[in-house]
Protein backbone atom coordinates (compact mmCIF):
# COMPACT_ATOMS: atom_id res chain seq x y z
CA UNK A 1 0.00 0.00 0.00
CA UNK A 2 1.34 3.44 -0.89
CA UNK A 3 1.07 6.58 1.21
CA UNK A 4 1.27 10.23 0.23
CA UNK A 5 2.71 11.01 3.69
CA UNK A 6 0.22 13.77 4.37
CA UNK A 7 -0.10 15.10 7.89
CA UNK A 8 -3.49 16.20 9.12
CA UNK A 9 -4.22 18.13 12.33
CA UNK A 10 -6.47 15.34 13.62
CA UNK A 11 -3.46 13.01 13.72
CA UNK A 12 -2.15 15.00 16.71
CA UNK A 13 -4.55 13.11 19.00
CA UNK A 14 -2.38 10.03 18.47
CA UNK A 15 0.79 11.78 19.64
CA UNK A 16 1.96 9.80 22.62
CA UNK A 17 -0.46 6.96 21.86
CA UNK A 18 0.91 3.45 21.78
CA UNK A 19 0.69 1.00 18.93
CA UNK A 20 0.78 -2.71 19.81
CA UNK A 21 -0.43 -6.06 18.50
CA UNK A 22 -4.13 -6.69 19.05
CA UNK A 23 -5.85 -10.04 19.59
CA UNK A 24 -5.79 -10.65 15.83
CA UNK A 25 -2.00 -10.19 15.82
CA UNK A 26 -2.17 -6.93 13.90
CA UNK A 27 -0.64 -3.62 14.85
CA UNK A 28 -3.30 -1.32 16.27
CA UNK A 29 -3.64 1.73 18.50
CA UNK A 30 -4.02 0.90 22.18
CA UNK A 31 -7.23 2.64 23.19
CA UNK A 32 -6.26 4.18 26.49
CA UNK A 33 -8.78 6.28 28.44
CA UNK A 34 -6.90 9.42 27.32
CA UNK A 35 -7.06 8.49 23.64
CA UNK A 36 -10.74 7.48 23.91
CA UNK A 37 -11.60 10.82 25.54
CA UNK A 38 -9.71 12.75 22.89
CA UNK A 39 -11.44 10.88 20.08
CA UNK A 40 -14.85 11.41 21.69
CA UNK A 41 -14.29 15.14 22.19
CA UNK A 42 -12.67 15.91 18.87
CA UNK A 43 -14.54 13.82 16.34
């Protein structure tokens, strides 16, 4: 898959977020309470 490497302001909510393997073995964002609150308030 190709990427245009564009940065969008909404990506800032993931700054400091952690990426780890999920139950399916794929890399995914760990949904911490802080990240969940940010996503809920800034959607």
